[in-house]
């Protein structure tokens, strides 16, 4: 369930509400002394994760693949770091 940000048009208060996507939008300010209408703000959203066929296979690599990549990357950095550092006398 996502969090929605709302802002009152009258008092300017901004607040966050944890709602289902199917729940109706809130309309009235929750402040006791305010009777203003509120509007839902556009947010950055949450990180959605799509799993299943039709998505990139590289998004969800197995642990064994990640370990192999990290070993390969560390061995490359060792060989690359030695290049160009020796001097001929």
N, C-alpha and C. Protein backbone atom coordinates (compact mmCIF):
# COMPACT_ATOMS: atom_id res chain seq x y z
N UNK A 1 0.85 -1.18 0.00
CA UNK A 1 0.00 0.00 0.00
C UNK A 1 0.89 1.24 0.00
N UNK A 2 0.58 2.19 -0.85
CA UNK A 2 1.41 3.39 -0.95
C UNK A 2 1.03 4.47 0.06
N UNK A 3 1.97 5.36 0.26
CA UNK A 3 1.73 6.58 1.04
C UNK A 3 1.38 7.69 0.06
N UNK A 4 0.37 8.46 0.39
CA UNK A 4 -0.02 9.59 -0.45
C UNK A 4 0.20 10.87 0.33
N UNK A 5 0.72 11.88 -0.35
CA UNK A 5 0.91 13.20 0.24
C UNK A 5 -0.28 14.07 -0.14
N UNK A 6 -0.79 14.76 0.85
CA UNK A 6 -1.91 15.69 0.65
C UNK A 6 -1.51 17.06 1.18
N UNK A 7 -2.13 18.11 0.63
CA UNK A 7 -1.91 19.46 1.11
C UNK A 7 -3.24 20.20 1.13
N UNK A 8 -3.46 20.93 2.24
CA UNK A 8 -4.69 21.70 2.39
C UNK A 8 -4.57 22.98 1.56
N UNK A 9 -5.62 23.31 0.82
CA UNK A 9 -5.62 24.52 0.00
C UNK A 9 -5.79 25.77 0.86
N UNK A 10 -6.37 25.62 2.04
CA UNK A 10 -6.64 26.78 2.89
C UNK A 10 -5.50 27.07 3.88
N UNK A 11 -5.13 26.09 4.70
CA UNK A 11 -4.11 26.33 5.73
C UNK A 11 -2.70 25.96 5.27
N UNK A 12 -2.56 25.22 4.17
CA UNK A 12 -1.25 24.87 3.62
C UNK A 12 -0.57 23.69 4.29
N UNK A 13 -1.23 23.04 5.24
CA UNK A 13 -0.62 21.90 5.92
C UNK A 13 -0.42 20.75 4.94
N UNK A 14 0.75 20.14 5.01
CA UNK A 14 1.06 18.97 4.19
C UNK A 14 1.16 17.77 5.11
N UNK A 15 0.56 16.67 4.71
CA UNK A 15 0.59 15.45 5.51
C UNK A 15 0.57 14.24 4.60
N UNK A 16 0.93 13.11 5.20
CA UNK A 16 1.05 11.85 4.48
C UNK A 16 0.02 10.86 5.00
N UNK A 17 -0.61 10.12 4.09
CA UNK A 17 -1.63 9.13 4.48
C UNK A 17 -1.29 7.80 3.82
N UNK A 18 -1.36 6.74 4.61
CA UNK A 18 -1.12 5.38 4.13
C UNK A 18 -2.46 4.80 3.70
N UNK A 19 -2.66 4.63 2.38
CA UNK A 19 -3.95 4.18 1.83
C UNK A 19 -3.75 3.09 0.80
N UNK A 20 -4.83 2.34 0.59
CA UNK A 20 -4.85 1.40 -0.53
C UNK A 20 -5.04 2.21 -1.80
N UNK A 21 -4.62 1.63 -2.90
CA UNK A 21 -4.79 2.31 -4.19
C UNK A 21 -6.27 2.43 -4.54
N UNK A 22 -7.07 1.52 -4.05
CA UNK A 22 -8.50 1.52 -4.36
C UNK A 22 -9.31 2.45 -3.44
N UNK A 23 -8.68 2.95 -2.36
CA UNK A 23 -9.39 3.87 -1.46
C UNK A 23 -9.67 5.19 -2.15
N UNK A 24 -10.81 5.82 -1.84
CA UNK A 24 -11.10 7.13 -2.45
C UNK A 24 -10.16 8.21 -1.90
N UNK A 25 -9.95 9.25 -2.70
CA UNK A 25 -9.12 10.38 -2.26
C UNK A 25 -9.77 11.08 -1.08
N UNK A 26 -8.95 11.58 -0.18
CA UNK A 26 -9.47 12.37 0.93
C UNK A 26 -9.87 13.74 0.39
N UNK A 27 -10.83 14.38 1.04
CA UNK A 27 -11.32 15.67 0.54
C UNK A 27 -11.22 16.80 1.56
N UNK A 28 -11.28 16.49 2.87
CA UNK A 28 -11.33 17.53 3.89
C UNK A 28 -10.05 17.52 4.74
N UNK A 29 -9.63 18.72 5.16
CA UNK A 29 -8.44 18.88 5.98
C UNK A 29 -8.66 18.23 7.35
N UNK A 30 -7.65 17.50 7.87
CA UNK A 30 -7.81 16.84 9.17
C UNK A 30 -7.65 17.78 10.37
N UNK A 31 -7.19 19.02 10.15
CA UNK A 31 -7.06 19.99 11.25
C UNK A 31 -8.43 20.34 11.79
N UNK A 32 -8.55 20.40 13.11
CA UNK A 32 -9.85 20.68 13.74
C UNK A 32 -10.37 22.07 13.40
N UNK A 33 -9.49 23.06 13.36
CA UNK A 33 -9.92 24.44 13.13
C UNK A 33 -10.01 24.81 11.66
N UNK A 34 -9.62 23.90 10.78
CA UNK A 34 -9.62 24.19 9.35
C UNK A 34 -10.71 23.38 8.66
N UNK A 35 -11.44 24.03 7.79
CA UNK A 35 -12.49 23.33 7.04
C UNK A 35 -12.19 23.36 5.55
N UNK A 36 -10.90 23.51 5.23
CA UNK A 36 -10.49 23.61 3.82
C UNK A 36 -10.49 22.27 3.11
N UNK A 37 -10.47 22.36 1.81
CA UNK A 37 -10.37 21.18 0.95
C UNK A 37 -8.90 20.85 0.74
N UNK A 38 -8.61 19.57 0.54
CA UNK A 38 -7.24 19.15 0.32
C UNK A 38 -7.08 18.58 -1.07
N UNK A 39 -5.83 18.55 -1.50
CA UNK A 39 -5.52 17.95 -2.80
C UNK A 39 -4.38 16.99 -2.64
N UNK A 40 -4.40 15.94 -3.44
CA UNK A 40 -3.32 14.95 -3.40
C UNK A 40 -2.17 15.48 -4.23
N UNK A 41 -0.97 15.40 -3.69
CA UNK A 41 0.22 15.88 -4.37
C UNK A 41 0.86 14.76 -5.18
N UNK A 42 1.53 15.16 -6.24
CA UNK A 42 2.28 14.18 -7.02
C UNK A 42 3.58 13.91 -6.29
N UNK A 43 3.87 12.66 -6.07
CA UNK A 43 5.09 12.29 -5.36
C UNK A 43 6.06 11.61 -6.28
N UNK A 44 7.23 11.32 -5.72
CA UNK A 44 8.23 10.62 -6.50
C UNK A 44 7.89 9.15 -6.64
N UNK A 45 7.03 8.66 -5.78
CA UNK A 45 6.61 7.27 -5.87
C UNK A 45 7.59 6.34 -5.19
N UNK A 46 7.22 5.13 -5.11
CA UNK A 46 8.06 4.11 -4.48
C UNK A 46 8.78 3.33 -5.56
N UNK A 47 9.79 2.63 -5.17
CA UNK A 47 10.52 1.78 -6.11
C UNK A 47 9.71 0.53 -6.41
N UNK A 48 9.08 0.49 -7.55
CA UNK A 48 8.30 -0.69 -7.93
C UNK A 48 9.24 -1.76 -8.46
N UNK A 49 8.94 -2.97 -8.14
CA UNK A 49 9.72 -4.09 -8.64
C UNK A 49 8.81 -4.97 -9.46
N UNK A 50 9.16 -5.12 -10.73
CA UNK A 50 8.39 -5.97 -11.62
C UNK A 50 9.17 -7.26 -11.81
N UNK A 51 8.57 -8.36 -11.44
CA UNK A 51 9.23 -9.66 -11.61
C UNK A 51 8.40 -10.50 -12.57
N UNK A 52 9.06 -11.34 -13.28
CA UNK A 52 8.36 -12.23 -14.19
C UNK A 52 8.90 -12.12 -15.59
N UNK A 53 8.28 -12.84 -16.51
CA UNK A 53 8.74 -12.80 -17.89
C UNK A 53 8.39 -11.44 -18.50
N UNK A 54 9.22 -11.01 -19.41
CA UNK A 54 8.98 -9.74 -20.08
C UNK A 54 9.78 -8.58 -19.50
N UNK A 55 10.55 -8.83 -18.45
CA UNK A 55 11.39 -7.79 -17.87
C UNK A 55 12.84 -8.20 -18.06
N UNK A 56 13.75 -7.28 -17.82
CA UNK A 56 15.16 -7.56 -18.04
C UNK A 56 15.66 -8.65 -17.10
N UNK A 57 16.38 -9.59 -17.66
CA UNK A 57 16.92 -10.68 -16.86
C UNK A 57 18.02 -10.21 -15.93
N UNK A 58 18.69 -9.14 -16.29
CA UNK A 58 19.81 -8.65 -15.49
C UNK A 58 19.35 -7.91 -14.24
N UNK A 59 18.07 -7.61 -14.12
CA UNK A 59 17.58 -6.88 -12.96
C UNK A 59 17.66 -7.68 -11.68
N UNK A 60 17.48 -8.98 -11.77
CA UNK A 60 17.43 -9.81 -10.58
C UNK A 60 18.42 -10.97 -10.74
N UNK A 61 19.68 -10.66 -10.66
CA UNK A 61 20.72 -11.67 -10.80
C UNK A 61 20.79 -12.54 -9.55
N UNK A 62 21.20 -13.78 -9.75
CA UNK A 62 21.37 -14.70 -8.62
C UNK A 62 22.60 -14.30 -7.81
N UNK A 63 22.65 -14.78 -6.59
CA UNK A 63 23.78 -14.48 -5.71
C UNK A 63 25.09 -15.04 -6.28
N UNK A 64 25.02 -16.24 -6.89
CA UNK A 64 26.24 -16.84 -7.45
C UNK A 64 26.79 -15.98 -8.60
N UNK A 65 25.91 -15.41 -9.39
CA UNK A 65 26.35 -14.54 -10.48
C UNK A 65 27.00 -13.27 -9.92
N UNK A 66 26.40 -12.69 -8.90
CA UNK A 66 26.96 -11.47 -8.30
C UNK A 66 28.34 -11.73 -7.71
N UNK A 67 28.52 -12.91 -7.05
CA UNK A 67 29.83 -13.25 -6.48
C UNK A 67 30.87 -13.41 -7.57
N UNK A 68 30.49 -14.05 -8.67
CA UNK A 68 31.40 -14.23 -9.79
C UNK A 68 31.81 -12.89 -10.40
N UNK A 69 30.88 -11.98 -10.51
CA UNK A 69 31.16 -10.65 -11.05
C UNK A 69 32.10 -9.87 -10.14
N UNK A 70 31.87 -9.98 -8.82
CA UNK A 70 32.72 -9.24 -7.89
C UNK A 70 34.15 -9.80 -7.91
N UNK A 71 34.31 -11.12 -8.05
CA UNK A 71 35.64 -11.72 -8.15
C UNK A 71 36.33 -11.26 -9.43
N UNK A 72 35.58 -11.25 -10.52
CA UNK A 72 36.14 -10.84 -11.80
C UNK A 72 36.54 -9.38 -11.77
N UNK A 73 35.71 -8.55 -11.15
CA UNK A 73 36.01 -7.12 -11.05
C UNK A 73 37.22 -6.85 -10.19
N UNK A 74 37.39 -7.61 -9.09
CA UNK A 74 38.55 -7.40 -8.21
C UNK A 74 39.83 -7.87 -8.89
N UNK A 75 39.78 -8.95 -9.68
CA UNK A 75 40.98 -9.41 -10.37
C UNK A 75 41.38 -8.44 -11.47
N UNK A 76 40.42 -7.81 -12.12
CA UNK A 76 40.72 -6.81 -13.13
C UNK A 76 41.38 -5.59 -12.51
N UNK A 77 40.87 -5.18 -11.35
CA UNK A 77 41.44 -3.99 -10.71
C UNK A 77 42.87 -4.25 -10.25
N UNK A 78 43.21 -5.50 -9.86
CA UNK A 78 44.58 -5.82 -9.47
C UNK A 78 45.51 -5.75 -10.67
N UNK A 79 45.08 -6.28 -11.83
CA UNK A 79 45.93 -6.26 -13.00
C UNK A 79 46.01 -4.86 -13.59
N UNK A 80 44.95 -4.11 -13.54
CA UNK A 80 44.95 -2.75 -14.07
C UNK A 80 45.79 -1.82 -13.21
N UNK A 81 45.80 -2.04 -11.90
CA UNK A 81 46.53 -1.14 -11.01
C UNK A 81 48.03 -1.28 -11.19
N UNK A 82 48.50 -2.40 -11.68
CA UNK A 82 49.93 -2.61 -11.86
C UNK A 82 50.46 -2.02 -13.16
N UNK A 83 49.62 -1.67 -14.10
CA UNK A 83 50.04 -1.15 -15.40
C UNK A 83 50.53 0.27 -15.24
N UNK A 84 51.63 0.55 -15.91
CA UNK A 84 52.13 1.91 -15.98
C UNK A 84 52.83 2.39 -14.71
N UNK A 85 53.00 1.54 -13.73
CA UNK A 85 53.64 1.98 -12.50
C UNK A 85 55.12 1.61 -12.44
N UNK A 86 55.56 0.63 -13.27
CA UNK A 86 56.95 0.24 -13.24
C UNK A 86 57.76 1.16 -14.13
N UNK A 87 58.98 1.45 -13.71
CA UNK A 87 59.86 2.34 -14.47
C UNK A 87 61.11 1.57 -14.88
N UNK A 88 61.57 1.84 -16.08
CA UNK A 88 62.82 1.22 -16.53
C UNK A 88 63.97 2.13 -16.13
N UNK A 89 65.06 1.53 -15.66
CA UNK A 89 66.22 2.33 -15.23
C UNK A 89 67.38 2.09 -16.16
